[in-house]
Amino acid sequence: MSQFFSIHPETPQPRLIKQAVEILRDGGVIAYPTDSAYALGCCLENKQAIDRIRRIRQVDDNHRFTLVCRDLSELSNFAKVDNVAYRLIKNNTPGPLTFILSATREVPRRLMHPKRRTIGLRVLANPIAQALLAELGEAMISTSLILPGEEAPQSDPADIRDRLQHDLDLVIDGGFCGLDESSIVSLLDDVPEVLREGAGDVTPFSQ
């Protein structure tokens, strides 16, 4: 049975954030709000938790997860970022944009694209997500909370608890945060490529 925390969407309660991070560090899988929609999250090195997320989403080993980071300095630990890409990311984060970049050796092999050695990275603007990452002190594995057979991410935390209470360790109620997945932008080549248009503004990358 999952726990259920109601956390203020603008001023998250430190006590509840600390408890949520303890659940993550103990190997837990959580549902939490982002700046696009609700997502599933777990610690970077916890293979069992990652496998649990795969089962919840019913995706195979080819599914690519996103690493959510606290800031640009942390992002550079996991991706090779040249000056042009850095400026683009800096000018458009934090927010609902996922960037596809070449991965560094800090990224576990199981999280990279098997052929291109790439990784999706994101810097979140949601205050609850920011507080979780600050308390955790490291990047977190994340994927949109889209249930099998559905196209849109989950948006109602009470419904998430009812449907996944035996699969999750924690559901964070941070209020409504959106219905769309993040936009995805590839910065692998000289010209940015918009791979998916979602919640984030992709205008700077499509000119």
Protein backbone atom coordinates (compact mmCIF):
# COMPACT_ATOMS: atom_id res chain seq x y z
CA MET A 1 0.00 0.00 0.00
CA SER A 2 1.54 3.29 -1.09
CA GLN A 3 1.87 6.28 1.18
CA PHE A 4 0.17 9.53 0.15
CA PHE A 5 1.69 12.94 0.91
CA SER A 6 -0.12 16.21 0.23
CA ILE A 7 2.71 18.66 -0.44
CA HIS A 8 2.17 22.36 -1.09
CA PRO A 9 2.82 23.07 -4.79
CA GLU A 10 4.65 26.35 -4.18
CA THR A 11 6.15 26.02 -0.69
CA PRO A 12 6.84 22.30 -0.15
CA GLN A 13 6.97 21.21 3.48
CA PRO A 14 10.59 20.25 4.30
CA ARG A 15 9.49 17.43 6.63
CA LEU A 16 7.48 15.72 3.90
CA ILE A 17 10.21 16.27 1.30
CA LYS A 18 12.71 14.64 3.64
CA GLN A 19 10.41 11.66 4.17
CA ALA A 20 9.87 11.31 0.42
CA VAL A 21 13.60 11.27 -0.21
CA GLU A 22 14.08 8.63 2.48
CA ILE A 23 11.59 6.47 0.57
CA LEU A 24 13.60 7.01 -2.63
CA ARG A 25 16.88 6.13 -0.92
CA ASP A 26 15.31 2.96 0.48
CA GLY A 27 14.66 1.79 -3.07
CA GLY A 28 11.18 3.22 -3.47
CA VAL A 29 9.30 4.21 -6.60
CA ILE A 30 7.28 7.42 -6.34
CA ALA A 31 4.71 9.33 -8.37
CA TYR A 32 5.46 13.04 -8.29
CA PRO A 33 4.45 16.26 -10.09
CA THR A 34 6.64 17.89 -12.72
CA ASP A 35 6.18 21.02 -14.81
CA SER A 36 4.41 19.01 -17.52
CA ALA A 37 2.55 16.08 -15.92
CA TYR A 38 2.87 13.49 -13.17
CA ALA A 39 5.85 11.18 -13.46
CA LEU A 40 7.38 8.10 -11.90
CA GLY A 41 10.75 8.48 -10.22
CA CYS A 42 13.45 6.44 -8.49
CA CYS A 43 17.12 6.66 -7.61
CA LEU A 44 19.67 6.48 -10.40
CA GLU A 45 21.55 3.38 -9.27
CA ASN A 46 18.57 1.31 -8.15
CA LYS A 47 18.10 -1.33 -10.86
CA GLN A 48 15.23 -3.05 -9.02
CA ALA A 49 13.27 0.21 -8.81
CA ILE A 50 13.90 0.87 -12.51
CA ASP A 51 12.62 -2.62 -13.32
CA ARG A 52 9.50 -1.92 -11.24
CA ILE A 53 8.83 1.21 -13.29
CA ARG A 54 9.17 -0.82 -16.48
CA ARG A 55 6.55 -3.25 -15.17
CA ILE A 56 4.16 -0.44 -14.19
CA ARG A 57 4.50 1.18 -17.60
CA GLN A 58 4.71 -2.22 -19.35
CA VAL A 59 7.69 -1.12 -21.45
CA ASP A 60 10.66 -3.20 -22.53
CA ASP A 61 14.40 -2.73 -22.09
CA ASN A 62 14.50 -0.36 -25.06
CA HIS A 63 12.44 2.27 -23.24
CA ARG A 64 14.57 5.32 -22.61
CA PHE A 65 14.29 7.01 -19.24
CA THR A 66 15.04 10.67 -18.52
CA LEU A 67 17.48 11.91 -15.92
CA VAL A 68 16.08 14.91 -14.08
CA CYS A 69 18.78 17.21 -12.71
CA ARG A 70 18.92 20.00 -10.17
CA ASP A 71 20.74 22.45 -12.43
CA LEU A 72 23.03 22.84 -15.43
CA SER A 73 26.17 21.93 -13.49
CA GLU A 74 24.68 18.55 -12.63
CA LEU A 75 23.48 18.07 -16.19
CA SER A 76 27.05 18.44 -17.44
CA ASN A 77 28.07 15.41 -15.33
CA PHE A 78 25.91 13.18 -17.52
CA ALA A 79 26.14 14.77 -20.98
CA LYS A 80 28.73 16.16 -23.35
CA VAL A 81 27.62 19.73 -23.89
CA ASP A 82 29.38 22.14 -26.24
CA ASN A 83 29.09 25.92 -25.95
CA VAL A 84 26.21 26.23 -28.41
CA ALA A 85 24.16 23.50 -26.73
CA TYR A 86 24.95 24.93 -23.31
CA ARG A 87 23.61 28.36 -24.25
CA LEU A 88 20.44 26.85 -25.73
CA ILE A 89 19.81 24.78 -22.61
CA LYS A 90 20.62 27.64 -20.25
CA ASN A 91 18.20 29.98 -22.04
CA ASN A 92 15.36 27.45 -21.96
CA THR A 93 15.60 25.84 -18.52
CA PRO A 94 14.26 25.07 -16.06
CA GLY A 95 11.04 23.92 -17.65
CA PRO A 96 9.18 21.18 -19.53
CA LEU A 97 11.90 20.41 -22.09
CA THR A 98 13.86 17.18 -22.38
CA PHE A 99 17.18 17.40 -24.21
CA ILE A 100 18.76 14.45 -26.01
CA LEU A 101 22.53 14.63 -25.65
CA SER A 102 25.59 12.39 -25.91
CA ALA A 103 26.04 10.59 -22.61
CA THR A 104 29.19 10.59 -20.49
CA ARG A 105 30.57 7.58 -18.65
CA GLU A 106 28.64 8.67 -15.56
CA VAL A 107 25.43 7.35 -17.14
CA PRO A 108 24.74 3.65 -16.50
CA ARG A 109 24.75 1.69 -19.75
CA ARG A 110 21.19 0.42 -19.19
CA LEU A 111 19.87 3.99 -19.33
CA MET A 112 21.50 4.97 -22.61
CA HIS A 113 20.28 4.48 -26.14
CA PRO A 114 22.00 1.17 -27.03
CA LYS A 115 23.42 2.34 -30.37
CA ARG A 116 24.01 6.06 -30.06
CA ARG A 117 25.00 6.27 -26.37
CA THR A 118 22.62 9.15 -25.78
CA ILE A 119 20.56 10.22 -22.77
CA GLY A 120 17.53 12.43 -22.17
CA LEU A 121 18.15 15.14 -19.59
CA ARG A 122 15.84 17.67 -18.00
CA VAL A 123 16.01 20.48 -15.44
CA LEU A 124 12.65 20.78 -13.69
CA ALA A 125 10.92 24.01 -12.65
CA ASN A 126 8.25 22.42 -10.42
CA PRO A 127 8.97 23.49 -6.80
CA ILE A 128 8.19 20.03 -5.38
CA ALA A 129 10.47 18.33 -7.89
CA GLN A 130 13.19 20.91 -7.22
CA ALA A 131 12.91 20.32 -3.47
CA LEU A 132 13.10 16.54 -3.93
CA LEU A 133 16.25 16.81 -6.04
CA ALA A 134 17.87 19.28 -3.65
CA GLU A 135 17.27 16.98 -0.69
CA LEU A 136 18.31 13.89 -2.65
CA GLY A 137 21.52 15.56 -3.75
CA GLU A 138 21.71 13.76 -7.08
CA ALA A 139 19.87 13.25 -10.35
CA MET A 140 16.78 11.05 -10.43
CA ILE A 141 15.42 8.59 -12.98
CA SER A 142 12.09 9.74 -14.35
CA THR A 143 9.45 8.83 -16.91
CA SER A 144 5.98 10.17 -17.61
CA LEU A 145 3.24 8.34 -15.71
CA ILE A 146 1.39 6.91 -18.68
CA LEU A 147 -0.46 3.69 -17.92
CA PRO A 148 -0.64 0.80 -20.39
CA GLY A 149 -3.22 1.35 -23.13
CA GLU A 150 -3.45 5.09 -22.47
CA GLU A 151 -1.93 7.98 -24.38
CA ALA A 152 -1.99 10.85 -21.88
CA PRO A 153 -0.08 11.04 -18.59
CA GLN A 154 -1.95 10.81 -15.29
CA SER A 155 -3.01 14.15 -13.79
CA ASP A 156 -5.07 13.27 -10.68
CA PRO A 157 -2.97 12.10 -7.69
CA ALA A 158 -6.00 10.55 -5.96
CA ASP A 159 -6.67 8.49 -9.06
CA ILE A 160 -3.00 7.52 -9.22
CA ARG A 161 -3.20 6.26 -5.64
CA ASP A 162 -6.36 4.27 -6.34
CA ARG A 163 -4.94 2.64 -9.47
CA LEU A 164 -1.34 2.07 -8.35
CA GLN A 165 -1.49 1.83 -4.57
CA HIS A 166 0.01 -1.68 -4.63
CA ASP A 167 2.73 -0.79 -7.14
CA LEU A 168 4.13 2.44 -5.71
CA ASP A 169 5.77 3.33 -2.41
CA LEU A 170 4.60 6.94 -2.45
CA VAL A 171 2.19 9.19 -4.30
CA ILE A 172 2.82 12.91 -3.90
CA ASP A 173 -0.25 15.10 -4.26
CA GLY A 174 1.07 18.39 -5.55
CA GLY A 175 -2.14 19.49 -7.20
CA PHE A 176 -2.79 19.69 -10.92
CA CYS A 177 0.41 20.20 -12.91
CA GLY A 178 -0.54 19.53 -16.53
CA LEU A 179 -1.71 16.96 -19.04
CA ASP A 180 1.11 16.95 -21.57
CA GLU A 181 4.47 15.25 -21.75
CA SER A 182 7.55 17.41 -22.05
CA SER A 183 8.78 18.55 -25.44
CA ILE A 184 11.86 16.65 -26.63
CA VAL A 185 14.71 18.39 -28.43
CA SER A 186 17.77 16.62 -29.83
CA LEU A 187 21.00 18.60 -29.57
CA LEU A 188 23.17 15.84 -31.03
CA ASP A 189 23.81 17.68 -34.30
CA ASP A 190 24.66 21.24 -35.25
CA VAL A 191 21.00 22.04 -35.90
CA PRO A 192 18.53 21.28 -33.06
CA GLU A 193 15.79 18.81 -33.93
CA VAL A 194 12.38 18.83 -32.27
CA LEU A 195 11.49 15.16 -31.73
CA ARG A 196 8.24 15.77 -29.85
CA GLU A 197 6.22 18.93 -29.29
CA GLY A 198 4.60 18.85 -25.86
CA ALA A 199 4.33 21.17 -22.88
CA GLY A 200 7.53 23.12 -23.53
CA ASP A 201 7.98 25.95 -26.03
CA VAL A 202 10.03 24.62 -28.94
CA THR A 203 10.04 27.88 -30.92
CA PRO A 204 13.73 28.62 -30.14
CA PHE A 205 14.69 25.26 -31.67
CA SER A 206 12.59 25.29 -34.81
CA GLN A 207 13.66 28.50 -36.46
